[in-house]
């Protein structure tokens, strides 16, 4: 894994056509901006892993794992 230090407004270029820019930093949260070709697939890891599990389940003929439902907040 490559580790880089970037400041707000600084970018990293990947494979000549993907740019990742630090947009904002607030506490432990970092907002990133991505510029990439339309044919590129960009997913958060948890979404990617869920899709992979669903595809594997379908390929094996088993029902896909259930998606977690957001709990309704009580007021």
Protein backbone atom coordinates (compact mmCIF):
# COMPACT_ATOMS: atom_id res chain seq x y z
CA UNK A 1 0.00 0.00 0.00
CA UNK A 2 1.24 3.45 -0.89
CA UNK A 3 0.90 6.19 1.74
CA UNK A 4 0.91 9.85 0.70
CA UNK A 5 0.54 13.13 2.51
CA UNK A 6 -1.59 15.72 0.72
CA UNK A 7 -2.98 19.09 1.72
CA UNK A 8 -6.32 20.63 0.74
CA UNK A 9 -6.30 21.31 -3.00
CA UNK A 10 -3.48 18.86 -3.74
CA UNK A 11 -4.03 15.88 -6.02
CA UNK A 12 -2.73 12.47 -7.00
CA UNK A 13 -2.87 11.20 -10.60
CA UNK A 14 -3.40 7.47 -11.24
CA UNK A 15 -2.79 5.89 -14.68
CA UNK A 16 -2.85 9.27 -16.47
CA UNK A 17 -6.66 9.50 -16.35
CA UNK A 18 -7.76 9.36 -12.70
CA UNK A 19 -7.26 12.32 -10.39
CA UNK A 20 -7.95 12.27 -6.65
CA UNK A 21 -8.03 15.68 -4.95
CA UNK A 22 -8.25 16.50 -1.25
CA UNK A 23 -11.25 18.83 -1.01
CA UNK A 24 -11.66 19.30 2.74
CA UNK A 25 -10.37 17.99 6.06
CA UNK A 26 -12.48 18.20 9.22
CA UNK A 27 -11.24 16.34 12.26
CA UNK A 28 -10.84 12.70 11.28
CA UNK A 29 -12.91 13.07 8.10
CA UNK A 30 -11.44 13.78 4.67
CA UNK A 31 -13.51 14.81 1.65
CA UNK A 32 -12.01 13.60 -1.64
CA UNK A 33 -12.92 14.61 -5.18
CA UNK A 34 -12.44 12.18 -8.07
CA UNK A 35 -12.06 12.91 -11.77
CA UNK A 36 -12.14 9.75 -13.89
CA UNK A 37 -13.28 8.43 -17.28
CA UNK A 38 -16.97 7.58 -17.68
CA UNK A 39 -16.13 3.91 -18.28
CA UNK A 40 -14.34 3.60 -14.92
CA UNK A 41 -16.13 1.96 -12.01
CA UNK A 42 -15.68 3.70 -8.65
CA UNK A 43 -17.30 2.16 -5.56
CA UNK A 44 -16.85 2.42 -1.81
CA UNK A 45 -15.24 -0.79 -0.53
CA UNK A 46 -18.32 -1.90 1.45
CA UNK A 47 -20.53 -1.55 -1.64
CA UNK A 48 -17.99 -3.40 -3.80
CA UNK A 49 -17.77 -6.26 -1.29
CA UNK A 50 -21.57 -6.53 -1.07
CA UNK A 51 -21.87 -6.72 -4.86
CA UNK A 52 -19.15 -9.38 -4.99
CA UNK A 53 -20.95 -11.45 -2.31
CA UNK A 54 -24.27 -11.14 -4.15
CA UNK A 55 -22.68 -12.15 -7.46
CA UNK A 56 -20.94 -15.13 -5.85
CA UNK A 57 -24.19 -16.26 -4.20
CA UNK A 58 -26.05 -16.06 -7.52
CA UNK A 59 -23.28 -18.01 -9.28
CA UNK A 60 -23.56 -20.72 -6.61
CA UNK A 61 -27.36 -20.81 -6.87
CA UNK A 62 -27.93 -19.57 -3.33
CA UNK A 63 -29.91 -16.52 -2.25
CA UNK A 64 -27.76 -13.37 -1.95
CA UNK A 65 -26.96 -12.11 1.56
CA UNK A 66 -29.65 -9.81 2.89
CA UNK A 67 -28.97 -6.11 2.86
CA UNK A 68 -29.06 -4.38 6.20
CA UNK A 69 -32.07 -2.16 6.66
CA UNK A 70 -31.59 1.21 8.33
CA UNK A 71 -33.20 1.19 11.77
CA UNK A 72 -36.02 3.65 12.16
CA UNK A 73 -35.21 6.19 14.82
CA UNK A 74 -37.69 6.58 17.62
CA UNK A 75 -38.54 10.09 18.74
